Amino acid sequence: MMMHSRSRSGEGGPMAAMRKGDTARNFKATMRKLGSYLAAYKYKLIIVTIFAVASTVFNIVGPKVLGNATTKLFEGVMAEIAGTGSIDFDYIGRILLIMLILYVVSALFAYIMGWIMAGVSTDISYRFREEIAAKINKMPLSYFDRNTQGEVLSRITNDVDTVNQTLSQSLTQIITSSITVIGVLVMMFSISWLMTIVALVVIPLSLIVVSVIVKRSQVYFKEQQDYLGHVNGHVEEMFG
């Protein structure tokens, strides 16, 4: 996310004075500033959190319910082979119906959650653009001498779009991923504690690999944004 907390004397605002290659100098301050924007939508965010938890829980419970149907089907097949009974299709049908309801409700919650979060991220992005435009209008001419039109436009459009995508997708993914990890662990322990421990041993290795990839990808992402500013500047100078 290209939230930039850049400080030079006399330059403030939500995404102040963005220059090529700059990064957030104070990450905590940047996140606090973003949090101040999100605070205006705290009730919507609470609803999003509740829906995210509900959607994830239903998704986790679904396979467990399906497992009951599979077990009942296996027992019925074995009973037919032994000549002591038959498959209880009525019971299996009820389980499948319950599973279908769980997945439908989960999808409905996920849709409402995404719809609310998209509205919040769009409103915040609109505020960003308004405040950036007001800030740009107050900038001295020397600022535009140091930065090409493409770089300025890139900050107003591309960086704000990145924030928009992060708010609309990453926040809900953080919530659902956290609940998924907890729920899956509970389900795994309820099925087999030994296999769960074996799986947990592998997780630290995965985290190490992911952390290395994330650190390297951040560098390339920043370079991508910088090159995008260059491209915008070149297009503006050639065809503007």
C-alpha atoms as a PDB file:
ATOM      1  CA  MET A   1       0.000   0.000   0.000  1.00  0.00           C
ATOM      2  CA  MET A   2       1.489   3.288  -1.063  1.00  0.00           C
ATOM      3  CA  MET A   3       0.356   5.444   1.803  1.00  0.00           C
ATOM      4  CA  HIS A   4       3.056   8.055   1.998  1.00  0.00           C
ATOM      5  CA  SER A   5       3.765  10.023   5.129  1.00  0.00           C
ATOM      6  CA  ARG A   6       6.344  12.400   3.725  1.00  0.00           C
ATOM      7  CA  SER A   7       7.295  15.435   5.684  1.00  0.00           C
ATOM      8  CA  ARG A   8       8.869  18.612   4.410  1.00  0.00           C
ATOM      9  CA  SER A   9       8.387  21.971   6.001  1.00  0.00           C
ATOM     10  CA  GLY A  10       5.040  23.464   5.177  1.00  0.00           C
ATOM     11  CA  GLU A  11       3.680  20.291   3.508  1.00  0.00           C
ATOM     12  CA  GLY A  12       1.068  18.142   5.210  1.00  0.00           C
ATOM     13  CA  GLY A  13      -2.230  16.579   4.302  1.00  0.00           C
ATOM     14  CA  PRO A  14      -3.217  12.941   4.111  1.00  0.00           C
ATOM     15  CA  MET A  15      -0.735  11.996   1.428  1.00  0.00           C
ATOM     16  CA  ALA A  16       1.664  14.873   1.463  1.00  0.00           C
ATOM     17  CA  ALA A  17       4.315  15.875  -1.064  1.00  0.00           C
ATOM     18  CA  MET A  18       4.962  12.607  -2.815  1.00  0.00           C
ATOM     19  CA  ARG A  19       8.265  12.271  -4.568  1.00  0.00           C
ATOM     20  CA  LYS A  20       9.706   9.540  -6.676  1.00  0.00           C
ATOM     21  CA  GLY A  21      11.206   6.703  -4.630  1.00  0.00           C
ATOM     22  CA  ASP A  22       9.894   7.998  -1.304  1.00  0.00           C
ATOM     23  CA  THR A  23       8.527   5.612   1.274  1.00  0.00           C
ATOM     24  CA  ALA A  24       6.613   6.100   4.493  1.00  0.00           C
ATOM     25  CA  ARG A  25       9.109   7.583   6.948  1.00  0.00           C
ATOM     26  CA  ASN A  26       6.926   6.762   9.938  1.00  0.00           C
ATOM     27  CA  PHE A  27       4.854   3.669   9.323  1.00  0.00           C
ATOM     28  CA  LYS A  28       2.994   3.894  12.643  1.00  0.00           C
ATOM     29  CA  ALA A  29       2.061   7.515  12.034  1.00  0.00           C
ATOM     30  CA  THR A  30       0.856   6.612   8.551  1.00  0.00           C
ATOM     31  CA  MET A  31      -1.318   3.797   9.897  1.00  0.00           C
ATOM     32  CA  ARG A  32      -2.700   6.082  12.620  1.00  0.00           C
ATOM     33  CA  LYS A  33      -3.608   8.603   9.935  1.00  0.00           C
ATOM     34  CA  LEU A  34      -5.354   5.894   7.939  1.00  0.00           C
ATOM     35  CA  GLY A  35      -7.087   4.764  11.114  1.00  0.00           C
ATOM     36  CA  SER A  36      -8.453   8.268  11.620  1.00  0.00           C
ATOM     37  CA  TYR A  37     -10.176   7.997   8.236  1.00  0.00           C
ATOM     38  CA  LEU A  38     -11.511   4.529   9.033  1.00  0.00           C
ATOM     39  CA  ALA A  39     -12.840   5.711  12.399  1.00  0.00           C
ATOM     40  CA  ALA A  40     -15.634   7.582  10.632  1.00  0.00           C
ATOM     41  CA  TYR A  41     -16.923   4.210   9.396  1.00  0.00           C
ATOM     42  CA  LYS A  42     -16.497   2.229  12.615  1.00  0.00           C
ATOM     43  CA  TYR A  43     -20.075   0.926  12.683  1.00  0.00           C
ATOM     44  CA  LYS A  44     -19.854  -0.298   9.105  1.00  0.00           C
ATOM     45  CA  LEU A  45     -16.513  -1.913   9.907  1.00  0.00           C
ATOM     46  CA  ILE A  46     -18.068  -3.688  12.892  1.00  0.00           C
ATOM     47  CA  ILE A  47     -20.796  -5.065  10.607  1.00  0.00           C
ATOM     48  CA  VAL A  48     -18.145  -6.120   8.086  1.00  0.00           C
ATOM     49  CA  THR A  49     -16.229  -7.931  10.842  1.00  0.00           C
ATOM     50  CA  ILE A  50     -19.345  -9.761  12.050  1.00  0.00           C
ATOM     51  CA  PHE A  51     -20.268 -10.806   8.520  1.00  0.00           C
ATOM     52  CA  ALA A  52     -16.688 -11.869   7.793  1.00  0.00           C
ATOM     53  CA  VAL A  53     -16.617 -14.051  10.900  1.00  0.00           C
ATOM     54  CA  ALA A  54     -20.024 -15.578  10.099  1.00  0.00           C
ATOM     55  CA  SER A  55     -19.113 -16.249   6.474  1.00  0.00           C
ATOM     56  CA  THR A  56     -15.831 -17.887   7.447  1.00  0.00           C
ATOM     57  CA  VAL A  57     -17.375 -20.012  10.195  1.00  0.00           C
ATOM     58  CA  PHE A  58     -20.031 -21.351   7.831  1.00  0.00           C
ATOM     59  CA  ASN A  59     -17.344 -22.185   5.268  1.00  0.00           C
ATOM     60  CA  ILE A  60     -15.359 -24.068   7.910  1.00  0.00           C
ATOM     61  CA  VAL A  61     -18.356 -25.981   9.269  1.00  0.00           C
ATOM     62  CA  GLY A  62     -19.439 -27.040   5.758  1.00  0.00           C
ATOM     63  CA  PRO A  63     -16.744 -29.701   5.200  1.00  0.00           C
ATOM     64  CA  LYS A  64     -17.395 -31.084   8.685  1.00  0.00           C
ATOM     65  CA  VAL A  65     -21.086 -31.496   7.848  1.00  0.00           C
ATOM     66  CA  LEU A  66     -20.184 -33.076   4.505  1.00  0.00           C
ATOM     67  CA  GLY A  67     -17.955 -35.499   6.398  1.00  0.00           C
ATOM     68  CA  ASN A  68     -21.013 -36.736   8.308  1.00  0.00           C
ATOM     69  CA  ALA A  69     -22.763 -37.465   5.000  1.00  0.00           C
ATOM     70  CA  THR A  70     -19.694 -39.331   3.717  1.00  0.00           C
ATOM     71  CA  THR A  71     -19.518 -41.394   6.905  1.00  0.00           C
ATOM     72  CA  LYS A  72     -23.210 -42.255   6.716  1.00  0.00           C
ATOM     73  CA  LEU A  73     -22.836 -43.238   3.051  1.00  0.00           C
ATOM     74  CA  PHE A  74     -19.872 -45.487   3.859  1.00  0.00           C
ATOM     75  CA  GLU A  75     -21.766 -47.117   6.720  1.00  0.00           C
ATOM     76  CA  GLY A  76     -24.724 -47.737   4.394  1.00  0.00           C
ATOM     77  CA  VAL A  77     -22.536 -49.321   1.734  1.00  0.00           C
ATOM     78  CA  MET A  78     -20.892 -51.605   4.293  1.00  0.00           C
ATOM     79  CA  ALA A  79     -24.315 -52.537   5.664  1.00  0.00           C
ATOM     80  CA  GLU A  80     -25.517 -53.478   2.167  1.00  0.00           C
ATOM     81  CA  ILE A  81     -22.426 -55.608   1.608  1.00  0.00           C
ATOM     82  CA  ALA A  82     -22.997 -57.358   4.920  1.00  0.00           C
ATOM     83  CA  GLY A  83     -26.706 -57.719   4.177  1.00  0.00           C
ATOM     84  CA  THR A  84     -27.690 -55.991   7.411  1.00  0.00           C
ATOM     85  CA  GLY A  85     -29.137 -52.759   6.071  1.00  0.00           C
ATOM     86  CA  SER A  86     -29.076 -50.150   3.298  1.00  0.00           C
ATOM     87  CA  ILE A  87     -28.000 -46.591   2.581  1.00  0.00           C
ATOM     88  CA  ASP A  88     -30.084 -43.997   4.387  1.00  0.00           C
ATOM     89  CA  PHE A  89     -30.558 -41.533   1.537  1.00  0.00           C
ATOM     90  CA  ASP A  90     -33.049 -39.458   3.535  1.00  0.00           C
ATOM     91  CA  TYR A  91     -30.453 -38.755   6.220  1.00  0.00           C
ATOM     92  CA  ILE A  92     -27.777 -37.998   3.625  1.00  0.00           C
ATOM     93  CA  GLY A  93     -30.184 -35.708   1.779  1.00  0.00           C
ATOM     94  CA  ARG A  94     -30.883 -33.719   4.951  1.00  0.00           C
ATOM     95  CA  ILE A  95     -27.174 -33.311   5.594  1.00  0.00           C
ATOM     96  CA  LEU A  96     -26.565 -32.135   2.030  1.00  0.00           C
ATOM     97  CA  LEU A  97     -29.428 -29.669   2.346  1.00  0.00           C
ATOM     98  CA  ILE A  98     -27.929 -28.274   5.563  1.00  0.00           C
ATOM     99  CA  MET A  99     -24.551 -27.977   3.849  1.00  0.00           C
ATOM    100  CA  LEU A 100     -26.121 -26.162   0.902  1.00  0.00           C
ATOM    101  CA  ILE A 101     -27.834 -23.701   3.242  1.00  0.00           C
ATOM    102  CA  LEU A 102     -24.534 -23.080   5.058  1.00  0.00           C
ATOM    103  CA  TYR A 103     -22.699 -22.282   1.829  1.00  0.00           C
ATOM    104  CA  VAL A 104     -25.500 -20.080   0.491  1.00  0.00           C
ATOM    105  CA  VAL A 105     -25.643 -18.066   3.728  1.00  0.00           C
ATOM    106  CA  SER A 106     -21.839 -17.844   3.756  1.00  0.00           C
ATOM    107  CA  ALA A 107     -21.814 -16.509   0.180  1.00  0.00           C
ATOM    108  CA  LEU A 108     -24.550 -14.002   1.059  1.00  0.00           C
ATOM    109  CA  PHE A 109     -22.589 -12.711   4.051  1.00  0.00           C
ATOM    110  CA  ALA A 110     -19.431 -12.487   1.927  1.00  0.00           C
ATOM    111  CA  TYR A 111     -21.290 -10.504  -0.739  1.00  0.00           C
ATOM    112  CA  ILE A 112     -22.750  -8.024   1.777  1.00  0.00           C
ATOM    113  CA  MET A 113     -19.351  -7.716   3.452  1.00  0.00           C
ATOM    114  CA  GLY A 114     -17.659  -6.939   0.135  1.00  0.00           C
ATOM    115  CA  TRP A 115     -20.378  -4.470  -0.854  1.00  0.00           C
ATOM    116  CA  ILE A 116     -20.078  -2.516   2.407  1.00  0.00           C
ATOM    117  CA  MET A 117     -16.275  -2.520   2.303  1.00  0.00           C
ATOM    118  CA  ALA A 118     -16.261  -1.355  -1.320  1.00  0.00           C
ATOM    119  CA  GLY A 119     -18.424   1.623  -0.333  1.00  0.00           C
ATOM    120  CA  VAL A 120     -16.132   2.495   2.577  1.00  0.00           C
ATOM    121  CA  SER A 121     -12.969   2.274   0.479  1.00  0.00           C
ATOM    122  CA  THR A 122     -14.540   4.345  -2.304  1.00  0.00           C
ATOM    123  CA  ASP A 123     -15.609   7.082   0.129  1.00  0.00           C
ATOM    124  CA  ILE A 124     -12.151   7.224   1.691  1.00  0.00           C
ATOM    125  CA  SER A 125     -10.471   7.318  -1.721  1.00  0.00           C
ATOM    126  CA  TYR A 126     -12.762  10.175  -2.725  1.00  0.00           C
ATOM    127  CA  ARG A 127     -11.737  12.094   0.396  1.00  0.00           C
ATOM    128  CA  PHE A 128      -8.085  11.412  -0.391  1.00  0.00           C
ATOM    129  CA  ARG A 129      -8.448  12.793  -3.906  1.00  0.00           C
ATOM    130  CA  GLU A 130     -10.282  15.892  -2.674  1.00  0.00           C
ATOM    131  CA  GLU A 131      -7.624  16.655  -0.074  1.00  0.00           C
ATOM    132  CA  ILE A 132      -4.770  15.873  -2.465  1.00  0.00           C
ATOM    133  CA  ALA A 133      -6.277  18.173  -5.089  1.00  0.00           C
ATOM    134  CA  ALA A 134      -6.634  20.937  -2.497  1.00  0.00           C
ATOM    135  CA  LYS A 135      -3.030  20.381  -1.423  1.00  0.00           C
ATOM    136  CA  ILE A 136      -1.736  20.379  -5.001  1.00  0.00           C
ATOM    137  CA  ASN A 137      -3.411  23.728  -5.646  1.00  0.00           C
ATOM    138  CA  LYS A 138      -1.457  25.219  -2.737  1.00  0.00           C
ATOM    139  CA  MET A 139       1.917  23.820  -3.735  1.00  0.00           C
ATOM    140  CA  PRO A 140       4.611  26.284  -4.901  1.00  0.00           C
ATOM    141  CA  LEU A 141       5.748  26.272  -8.525  1.00  0.00           C
ATOM    142  CA  SER A 142       9.086  24.848  -7.460  1.00  0.00           C
ATOM    143  CA  TYR A 143       7.321  21.589  -6.578  1.00  0.00           C
ATOM    144  CA  PHE A 144       6.121  21.179 -10.163  1.00  0.00           C
ATOM    145  CA  ASP A 145       9.598  22.025 -11.422  1.00  0.00           C
ATOM    146  CA  ARG A 146      11.008  19.125  -9.400  1.00  0.00           C
ATOM    147  CA  ASN A 147       8.250  16.651 -10.316  1.00  0.00           C
ATOM    148  CA  THR A 148       6.886  15.855 -13.768  1.00  0.00           C
ATOM    149  CA  GLN A 149       3.173  16.045 -14.443  1.00  0.00           C
ATOM    150  CA  GLY A 150       3.096  12.264 -14.850  1.00  0.00           C
ATOM    151  CA  GLU A 151       4.547  11.715 -11.382  1.00  0.00           C
ATOM    152  CA  VAL A 152       2.026  14.081  -9.827  1.00  0.00           C
ATOM    153  CA  LEU A 153      -0.847  12.419 -11.676  1.00  0.00           C
ATOM    154  CA  SER A 154       0.447   9.005 -10.664  1.00  0.00           C
ATOM    155  CA  ARG A 155       0.240   9.980  -7.000  1.00  0.00           C
ATOM    156  CA  ILE A 156      -3.275  11.332  -7.389  1.00  0.00           C
ATOM    157  CA  THR A 157      -4.590   8.357  -9.355  1.00  0.00           C
ATOM    158  CA  ASN A 158      -2.470   5.212  -9.067  1.00  0.00           C
ATOM    159  CA  ASP A 159      -1.487   5.504  -5.398  1.00  0.00           C
ATOM    160  CA  VAL A 160      -5.032   6.315  -4.322  1.00  0.00           C
ATOM    161  CA  ASP A 161      -6.281   3.366  -6.380  1.00  0.00           C
ATOM    162  CA  THR A 162      -3.787   1.164  -4.554  1.00  0.00           C
ATOM    163  CA  VAL A 163      -5.149   2.361  -1.219  1.00  0.00           C
ATOM    164  CA  ASN A 164      -8.677   1.724  -2.483  1.00  0.00           C
ATOM    165  CA  GLN A 165      -7.847  -1.853  -3.442  1.00  0.00           C
ATOM    166  CA  THR A 166      -6.058  -2.459  -0.159  1.00  0.00           C
ATOM    167  CA  LEU A 167      -8.985  -1.234   1.914  1.00  0.00           C
ATOM    168  CA  SER A 168     -11.610  -3.105  -0.106  1.00  0.00           C
ATOM    169  CA  GLN A 169      -9.725  -6.405  -0.232  1.00  0.00           C
ATOM    170  CA  SER A 170      -6.882  -6.727   2.256  1.00  0.00           C
ATOM    171  CA  LEU A 171      -8.788  -5.732   5.411  1.00  0.00           C
ATOM    172  CA  THR A 172     -11.493  -8.337   4.868  1.00  0.00           C
ATOM    173  CA  GLN A 173      -8.867 -10.904   3.883  1.00  0.00           C
ATOM    174  CA  ILE A 174      -7.003 -10.304   7.139  1.00  0.00           C
ATOM    175  CA  ILE A 175     -10.190 -10.925   9.138  1.00  0.00           C
ATOM    176  CA  THR A 176     -11.296 -13.992   7.182  1.00  0.00           C
ATOM    177  CA  SER A 177      -7.780 -15.459   7.113  1.00  0.00           C
ATOM    178  CA  SER A 178      -7.392 -15.108  10.885  1.00  0.00           C
ATOM    179  CA  ILE A 179     -10.764 -16.727  11.577  1.00  0.00           C
ATOM    180  CA  THR A 180     -10.022 -19.449   9.025  1.00  0.00           C
ATOM    181  CA  VAL A 181      -6.740 -20.353  10.722  1.00  0.00           C
ATOM    182  CA  ILE A 182      -8.382 -20.570  14.145  1.00  0.00           C
ATOM    183  CA  GLY A 183     -11.423 -22.481  12.882  1.00  0.00           C
ATOM    184  CA  VAL A 184      -9.408 -24.928  10.798  1.00  0.00           C
ATOM    185  CA  LEU A 185      -7.140 -25.654  13.765  1.00  0.00           C
ATOM    186  CA  VAL A 186     -10.162 -26.411  15.942  1.00  0.00           C
ATOM    187  CA  MET A 187     -11.594 -28.712  13.272  1.00  0.00           C
ATOM    188  CA  MET A 188      -8.239 -30.421  12.739  1.00  0.00           C
ATOM    189  CA  PHE A 189      -7.786 -31.109  16.455  1.00  0.00           C
ATOM    190  CA  SER A 190     -11.334 -32.480  16.629  1.00  0.00           C
ATOM    191  CA  ILE A 191     -10.496 -34.927  13.818  1.00  0.00           C
ATOM    192  CA  SER A 192      -6.907 -35.945  14.630  1.00  0.00           C
ATOM    193  CA  TRP A 193      -4.629 -34.173  17.101  1.00  0.00           C
ATOM    194  CA  LEU A 194      -1.581 -36.095  15.852  1.00  0.00           C
ATOM    195  CA  MET A 195      -1.974 -35.049  12.222  1.00  0.00           C
ATOM    196  CA  THR A 196      -2.617 -31.496  13.397  1.00  0.00           C
ATOM    197  CA  ILE A 197       0.699 -31.375  15.248  1.00  0.00           C
ATOM    198  CA  VAL A 198       2.503 -32.688  12.156  1.00  0.00           C
ATOM    199  CA  ALA A 199       0.887 -29.958  10.054  1.00  0.00           C
ATOM    200  CA  LEU A 200       1.805 -27.271  12.592  1.00  0.00           C
ATOM    201  CA  VAL A 201       5.465 -28.243  12.414  1.00  0.00           C
ATOM    202  CA  VAL A 202       5.495 -27.279   8.722  1.00  0.00           C
ATOM    203  CA  ILE A 203       3.907 -23.836   9.284  1.00  0.00           C
ATOM    204  CA  PRO A 204       7.069 -22.039  10.567  1.00  0.00           C
ATOM    205  CA  LEU A 205       8.940 -23.095   7.424  1.00  0.00           C
ATOM    206  CA  SER A 206       6.126 -21.714   5.291  1.00  0.00           C
ATOM    207  CA  LEU A 207       6.152 -18.428   7.210  1.00  0.00           C
ATOM    208  CA  ILE A 208       9.878 -18.029   6.594  1.00  0.00           C
ATOM    209  CA  VAL A 209       9.407 -18.525   2.850  1.00  0.00           C
ATOM    210  CA  VAL A 210       6.463 -16.113   2.754  1.00  0.00           C
ATOM    211  CA  SER A 211       8.336 -13.428   4.711  1.00  0.00           C
ATOM    212  CA  VAL A 212      11.268 -13.598   2.282  1.00  0.00           C
ATOM    213  CA  ILE A 213       8.935 -13.322  -0.713  1.00  0.00           C
ATOM    214  CA  VAL A 214       7.030 -10.394   0.825  1.00  0.00           C
ATOM    215  CA  LYS A 215      10.210  -8.434   1.563  1.00  0.00           C
ATOM    216  CA  ARG A 216      11.464  -8.855  -1.987  1.00  0.00           C
ATOM    217  CA  SER A 217       8.085  -8.146  -3.576  1.00  0.00           C
ATOM    218  CA  GLN A 218       7.763  -4.836  -1.682  1.00  0.00           C
ATOM    219  CA  VAL A 219      10.919  -3.560  -3.393  1.00  0.00           C
ATOM    220  CA  TYR A 220       9.557  -4.480  -6.826  1.00  0.00           C
ATOM    221  CA  PHE A 221       6.181  -2.969  -6.015  1.00  0.00           C
ATOM    222  CA  LYS A 222       7.782   0.373  -5.131  1.00  0.00           C
ATOM    223  CA  GLU A 223       9.817   0.267  -8.334  1.00  0.00           C
ATOM    224  CA  GLN A 224       6.632  -0.476 -10.281  1.00  0.00           C
ATOM    225  CA  GLN A 225       4.973   2.634  -8.871  1.00  0.00           C
ATOM    226  CA  ASP A 226       8.053   4.724  -9.684  1.00  0.00           C
ATOM    227  CA  TYR A 227       8.225   3.452 -13.265  1.00  0.00           C
ATOM    228  CA  LEU A 228       4.511   4.066 -13.638  1.00  0.00           C
ATOM    229  CA  GLY A 229       5.129   7.692 -12.692  1.00  0.00           C
ATOM    230  CA  HIS A 230       7.878   7.889 -15.335  1.00  0.00           C
ATOM    231  CA  VAL A 231       5.555   6.431 -17.960  1.00  0.00           C
ATOM    232  CA  ASN A 232       2.800   8.900 -17.097  1.00  0.00           C
ATOM    233  CA  GLY A 233       5.281  11.745 -17.254  1.00  0.00           C
ATOM    234  CA  HIS A 234       6.611  10.619 -20.638  1.00  0.00           C
ATOM    235  CA  VAL A 235       3.090  10.243 -22.060  1.00  0.00           C
ATOM    236  CA  GLU A 236       2.110  13.665 -20.759  1.00  0.00           C
ATOM    237  CA  GLU A 237       5.198  15.314 -22.248  1.00  0.00           C
ATOM    238  CA  MET A 238       4.838  13.569 -25.612  1.00  0.00           C
ATOM    239  CA  PHE A 239       1.090  13.857 -26.113  1.00  0.00           C
ATOM    240  CA  GLY A 240      -0.060  16.445 -23.545  1.00  0.00           C
END
